[in-house]
Amino acid sequence: MEAKADMEEYYRLQAEARSIYASPDLAWDHPRFPDPPTEHLKPEEFTNLLADTVFRHNEQFHHPFVARLMRGELSPEELKAWAIADFPFLVEVLRSDAMIVANARDLHEIRKQMHVLIEEAGEDLAGGEYPSHPQLWIRFGAALGLTEQEIVEAKVHPLMELFLDSLRLRNLQTRIGEMPGNSRLSERTRSIVYPLWQEVLERRYHLPAAALAFFEVHGAADWGHGNIGKEIIIPRCRTREEQLRLWTTEGRRMARSWMRMEIWADAARTATGSKA
């Protein structure tokens, strides 16, 4: 019954995602995150509300770069710029997930978070099919006409350097047992939207399915990652103060993730010489 309810929620959110992408209010000019609830909630109720809020206000729907992607408006050069600009972040995710494992508060949580790290670093390390997610991203870039060298050895976008430095500092400042900087709630959204991005990249940009394994794998894995996030949040939001802190932290995380997409957009503008 629990598995059935979980899949029902997945398909409900998938239908909602398609509706959001079809909305005339899709693209926002800045990140939006609502004020926290005005009263203390039960931990499970609060966690579900926070997860739904993260979903509906997510940058993976509302950033203008994503809106252009979904409308099929990105040029080949803009797609290449995206592939190059985001590669350093995808490598940094492995370091970040390793730090989350290192700072987990008990054995149970270490093992939960280790699942995520293994999937990000490559299921092939543990006898699975897929290599690391950065390697799958290189396949995506190759389908766009880039070489591995052009992706891996490209100069890091200056704003991406600052962005990655902030992630590293956040991880270094996290003490054992504290709530990790990545709550993984946004990964629930990614599990919904990446398969939709994959559809668009095949249909509107005519990329082969084999080159889009990066998006397929995230659709399969990140729903589970998001559920791990919910499990980890519940025991950490029992008081009103904890709930307010988590709500504020999630709003800040979404603002940081918006900056990541600003980097994509700036890289695309630079590649095409556009001032827009």
Protein backbone atom coordinates (compact mmCIF):
# COMPACT_ATOMS: atom_id res chain seq x y z
CA MET A 1 0.00 0.00 0.00
CA GLU A 2 2.82 2.40 0.86
CA ALA A 3 4.55 1.77 -2.48
CA LYS A 4 1.26 2.28 -4.34
CA ALA A 5 0.63 5.59 -2.55
CA ASP A 6 4.19 6.67 -3.35
CA MET A 7 3.70 6.02 -7.07
CA GLU A 8 0.33 7.76 -7.01
CA GLU A 9 2.05 10.83 -5.62
CA TYR A 10 4.72 10.61 -8.32
CA TYR A 11 2.15 10.52 -11.12
CA ARG A 12 0.13 13.30 -9.49
CA LEU A 13 3.21 15.54 -9.42
CA GLN A 14 4.12 14.56 -12.97
CA ALA A 15 0.70 15.71 -14.19
CA GLU A 16 1.09 18.92 -12.19
CA ALA A 17 4.53 19.47 -13.73
CA ARG A 18 3.12 19.27 -17.25
CA SER A 19 0.47 21.80 -16.24
CA ILE A 20 3.10 24.18 -14.83
CA TYR A 21 5.19 23.97 -18.00
CA ALA A 22 2.10 24.82 -20.05
CA SER A 23 1.30 27.86 -17.90
CA PRO A 24 1.67 31.39 -19.32
CA ASP A 25 3.20 32.32 -15.94
CA LEU A 26 5.97 29.75 -16.37
CA ALA A 27 9.02 32.05 -16.50
CA TRP A 28 9.77 34.24 -13.48
CA ASP A 29 12.28 37.08 -13.40
CA HIS A 30 13.47 36.18 -9.90
CA PRO A 31 13.11 33.29 -7.44
CA ARG A 32 9.95 33.23 -5.34
CA PHE A 33 9.42 31.39 -2.08
CA PRO A 34 6.43 32.00 0.20
CA ASP A 35 6.47 32.88 3.87
CA PRO A 36 6.50 29.95 6.33
CA PRO A 37 3.29 28.61 7.87
CA THR A 38 2.02 30.78 10.71
CA GLU A 39 1.60 27.92 13.17
CA HIS A 40 3.49 24.92 14.41
CA LEU A 41 2.70 21.75 12.46
CA LYS A 42 3.20 18.07 13.13
CA PRO A 43 6.59 16.99 11.69
CA GLU A 44 5.07 14.85 8.92
CA GLU A 45 2.60 17.59 7.99
CA PHE A 46 5.33 20.22 7.93
CA THR A 47 7.65 18.06 5.83
CA ASN A 48 4.94 17.36 3.26
CA LEU A 49 4.04 21.06 3.06
CA LEU A 50 7.70 22.03 2.63
CA ALA A 51 8.19 19.38 -0.07
CA ASP A 52 5.12 20.58 -2.00
CA THR A 53 6.22 24.22 -1.70
CA VAL A 54 9.69 23.39 -2.98
CA PHE A 55 8.09 21.58 -5.91
CA ARG A 56 5.75 24.35 -7.00
CA HIS A 57 8.28 27.18 -6.63
CA ASN A 58 11.22 25.30 -8.06
CA GLU A 59 13.75 26.97 -10.34
CA GLN A 60 13.64 23.84 -12.52
CA PHE A 61 10.23 25.06 -13.64
CA HIS A 62 10.45 28.81 -13.49
CA HIS A 63 13.88 30.03 -14.52
CA PRO A 64 13.73 31.70 -17.97
CA PHE A 65 16.47 29.42 -19.30
CA VAL A 66 14.30 26.39 -18.55
CA ALA A 67 11.27 28.05 -20.13
CA ARG A 68 13.27 28.56 -23.34
CA LEU A 69 14.51 24.97 -23.17
CA MET A 70 10.97 23.63 -22.90
CA ARG A 71 9.75 25.81 -25.78
CA GLY A 72 12.54 24.50 -28.02
CA GLU A 73 14.12 27.95 -28.36
CA LEU A 74 17.73 27.18 -27.42
CA SER A 75 20.21 27.19 -30.29
CA PRO A 76 22.86 24.47 -30.72
CA GLU A 77 25.50 26.89 -29.42
CA GLU A 78 23.42 27.66 -26.34
CA LEU A 79 22.98 23.95 -25.62
CA LYS A 80 26.74 23.46 -25.92
CA ALA A 81 27.37 26.38 -23.56
CA TRP A 82 25.00 24.80 -21.03
CA ALA A 83 26.82 21.46 -21.28
CA ILE A 84 30.18 23.11 -20.68
CA ALA A 85 29.07 25.49 -17.93
CA ASP A 86 27.39 22.90 -15.70
CA PHE A 87 30.02 20.16 -15.80
CA PRO A 88 32.10 21.54 -12.87
CA PHE A 89 28.96 21.64 -10.72
CA LEU A 90 28.16 18.00 -11.46
CA VAL A 91 31.66 17.00 -10.36
CA GLU A 92 31.27 19.10 -7.21
CA VAL A 93 28.05 17.24 -6.38
CA LEU A 94 30.16 14.13 -5.73
CA ARG A 95 32.30 16.01 -3.22
CA SER A 96 29.22 17.51 -1.62
CA ASP A 97 27.51 14.14 -1.27
CA ALA A 98 30.68 12.67 0.21
CA MET A 99 30.64 15.42 2.84
CA ILE A 100 26.98 14.73 3.58
CA VAL A 101 27.89 11.08 4.24
CA ALA A 102 30.83 12.15 6.42
CA ASN A 103 28.64 14.47 8.51
CA ALA A 104 25.63 12.15 8.90
CA ARG A 105 24.61 11.78 12.52
CA ASP A 106 24.37 7.99 12.88
CA LEU A 107 24.98 4.71 11.08
CA HIS A 108 21.45 4.52 9.70
CA GLU A 109 21.76 7.96 8.13
CA ILE A 110 25.26 7.25 6.80
CA ARG A 111 23.94 4.21 4.96
CA LYS A 112 20.94 6.12 3.58
CA GLN A 113 23.12 8.92 2.23
CA MET A 114 25.68 6.44 0.88
CA HIS A 115 23.06 5.19 -1.59
CA VAL A 116 22.93 8.66 -3.11
CA LEU A 117 26.71 9.00 -3.29
CA ILE A 118 27.10 5.65 -5.05
CA GLU A 119 24.48 6.54 -7.64
CA GLU A 120 26.07 9.94 -8.28
CA ALA A 121 29.62 8.54 -8.43
CA GLY A 122 28.56 5.64 -10.66
CA GLU A 123 26.51 2.52 -10.11
CA ASP A 124 29.21 0.64 -12.04
CA LEU A 125 31.40 0.94 -8.91
CA ALA A 126 29.00 -1.45 -7.19
CA GLY A 127 28.19 -3.73 -10.14
CA GLY A 128 25.47 -1.53 -11.64
CA GLU A 129 24.95 -0.37 -15.20
CA TYR A 130 25.63 3.36 -15.30
CA PRO A 131 28.86 5.31 -14.79
CA SER A 132 29.01 8.57 -12.84
CA HIS A 133 26.54 11.33 -13.59
CA PRO A 134 29.32 13.66 -14.84
CA GLN A 135 30.30 10.94 -17.34
CA LEU A 136 26.70 10.69 -18.51
CA TRP A 137 26.70 14.48 -18.92
CA ILE A 138 29.74 14.15 -21.20
CA ARG A 139 27.67 11.78 -23.38
CA PHE A 140 25.04 14.50 -23.62
CA GLY A 141 27.69 17.02 -24.65
CA ALA A 142 29.08 14.62 -27.25
CA ALA A 143 25.65 14.41 -28.87
CA LEU A 144 25.76 18.20 -29.18
CA GLY A 145 29.09 17.98 -31.03
CA LEU A 146 31.48 18.61 -28.13
CA THR A 147 34.53 16.54 -27.34
CA GLU A 148 35.23 15.29 -23.83
CA GLN A 149 38.26 17.58 -23.71
CA GLU A 150 36.14 20.62 -24.59
CA ILE A 151 33.86 19.87 -21.66
CA VAL A 152 36.33 18.68 -19.02
CA GLU A 153 39.11 21.16 -19.70
CA ALA A 154 36.99 24.24 -20.37
CA LYS A 155 37.65 27.32 -18.26
CA VAL A 156 35.17 27.41 -15.40
CA HIS A 157 32.65 30.24 -15.63
CA PRO A 158 33.72 32.89 -13.06
CA LEU A 159 30.32 32.89 -11.36
CA MET A 160 30.43 29.11 -11.21
CA GLU A 161 33.76 29.35 -9.38
CA LEU A 162 32.14 31.56 -6.75
CA PHE A 163 29.11 29.28 -6.60
CA LEU A 164 31.24 26.19 -6.02
CA ASP A 165 33.32 27.97 -3.39
CA SER A 166 30.12 28.77 -1.48
CA LEU A 167 29.05 25.11 -1.60
CA ARG A 168 32.42 23.96 -0.30
CA LEU A 169 32.34 26.48 2.54
CA ARG A 170 28.82 25.42 3.51
CA ASN A 171 29.88 21.77 3.62
CA LEU A 172 32.97 22.54 5.70
CA GLN A 173 30.88 24.45 8.21
CA THR A 174 28.35 21.62 8.67
CA ARG A 175 28.92 19.70 11.88
CA ILE A 176 28.25 16.01 12.33
CA GLY A 177 24.56 15.45 12.90
CA GLU A 178 23.39 18.81 11.58
CA MET A 179 20.87 19.09 8.78
CA PRO A 180 22.87 18.83 5.53
CA GLY A 181 22.87 21.84 3.23
CA ASN A 182 21.18 19.73 0.54
CA SER A 183 17.85 18.61 1.98
CA ARG A 184 17.26 16.59 -1.22
CA LEU A 185 13.68 17.89 -1.49
CA SER A 186 14.52 19.55 -4.79
CA GLU A 187 15.68 16.17 -6.06
CA ARG A 188 12.05 15.04 -5.91
CA THR A 189 11.32 17.80 -8.40
CA ARG A 190 14.25 16.75 -10.57
CA SER A 191 12.92 13.19 -10.73
CA ILE A 192 9.72 14.63 -12.21
CA VAL A 193 11.08 17.30 -14.56
CA TYR A 194 14.20 15.62 -15.99
CA PRO A 195 12.17 12.99 -17.89
CA LEU A 196 10.14 15.89 -19.31
CA TRP A 197 13.35 17.67 -20.32
CA GLN A 198 14.42 14.39 -21.94
CA GLU A 199 11.21 14.30 -23.97
CA VAL A 200 11.81 17.84 -25.19
CA LEU A 201 15.47 17.21 -26.05
CA GLU A 202 14.44 14.22 -28.15
CA ARG A 203 11.37 15.75 -29.80
CA ARG A 204 12.36 19.38 -30.33
CA TYR A 205 16.15 19.21 -30.44
CA HIS A 206 16.34 15.79 -32.16
CA LEU A 207 18.93 14.33 -29.82
CA PRO A 208 19.24 10.52 -29.71
CA ALA A 209 17.79 8.75 -26.69
CA ALA A 210 21.13 7.06 -25.97
CA ALA A 211 22.71 10.47 -25.36
CA LEU A 212 20.11 11.42 -22.75
CA ALA A 213 20.82 8.76 -20.15
CA PHE A 214 21.76 11.54 -17.70
CA PHE A 215 18.15 12.70 -17.61
CA GLU A 216 16.73 9.18 -17.61
CA VAL A 217 18.89 8.12 -14.65
CA HIS A 218 17.87 11.15 -12.60
CA GLY A 219 14.24 10.42 -13.28
CA ALA A 220 14.72 6.96 -11.82
CA ALA A 221 17.02 7.76 -8.89
CA ASP A 222 16.07 11.18 -7.59
CA TRP A 223 12.58 10.26 -6.40
CA GLY A 224 14.24 7.93 -3.93
CA HIS A 225 16.77 10.62 -3.02
CA GLY A 226 13.92 13.01 -2.26
CA ASN A 227 12.25 10.46 -0.03
CA ILE A 228 15.52 10.08 1.87
CA GLY A 229 15.43 13.84 2.33
CA LYS A 230 11.94 13.70 3.79
CA GLU A 231 12.98 10.96 6.20
CA ILE A 232 15.94 13.03 7.36
CA ILE A 233 13.89 16.21 7.83
CA ILE A 234 11.10 14.69 9.95
CA PRO A 235 13.13 14.17 13.16
CA ARG A 236 14.69 17.62 12.72
CA CYS A 237 11.48 19.68 12.57
CA ARG A 238 9.73 18.89 15.82
CA THR A 239 9.76 22.43 17.23
CA ARG A 240 8.45 25.69 15.80
CA GLU A 241 12.01 27.07 15.77
CA GLU A 242 13.32 24.09 13.81
CA GLN A 243 10.51 24.43 11.28
CA LEU A 244 11.17 28.13 10.74
CA ARG A 245 14.89 27.46 10.32
CA LEU A 246 14.29 24.68 7.79
CA TRP A 247 11.82 26.79 5.82
CA THR A 248 14.26 29.70 5.62
CA THR A 249 17.13 27.41 4.69
CA GLU A 250 15.12 25.89 1.85
CA GLY A 251 14.22 29.32 0.50
CA ARG A 252 17.91 30.24 0.47
CA ARG A 253 18.82 26.98 -1.22
CA MET A 254 16.39 27.72 -4.02
CA ALA A 255 17.89 31.18 -4.45
CA ARG A 256 21.34 29.58 -4.76
CA SER A 257 20.03 27.12 -7.33
CA TRP A 258 18.52 30.01 -9.26
CA MET A 259 22.05 31.44 -9.47
CA ARG A 260 23.24 28.19 -11.03
CA MET A 261 20.73 28.65 -13.82
CA GLU A 262 21.75 32.29 -14.19
CA ILE A 263 25.20 30.90 -14.97
CA TRP A 264 23.69 28.68 -17.67
CA ALA A 265 21.89 31.68 -19.16
CA ASP A 266 24.99 33.88 -19.06
CA ALA A 267 27.10 31.18 -20.70
CA ALA A 268 24.46 30.87 -23.44
CA ARG A 269 24.42 34.63 -24.01
CA THR A 270 28.20 34.72 -24.23
CA ALA A 271 28.29 31.83 -26.70
CA THR A 272 25.86 33.57 -29.05
CA GLY A 273 26.95 37.16 -28.49
CA SER A 274 23.43 38.00 -27.32
CA LYS A 275 22.69 40.91 -24.98
CA ALA A 276 19.25 39.57 -24.04
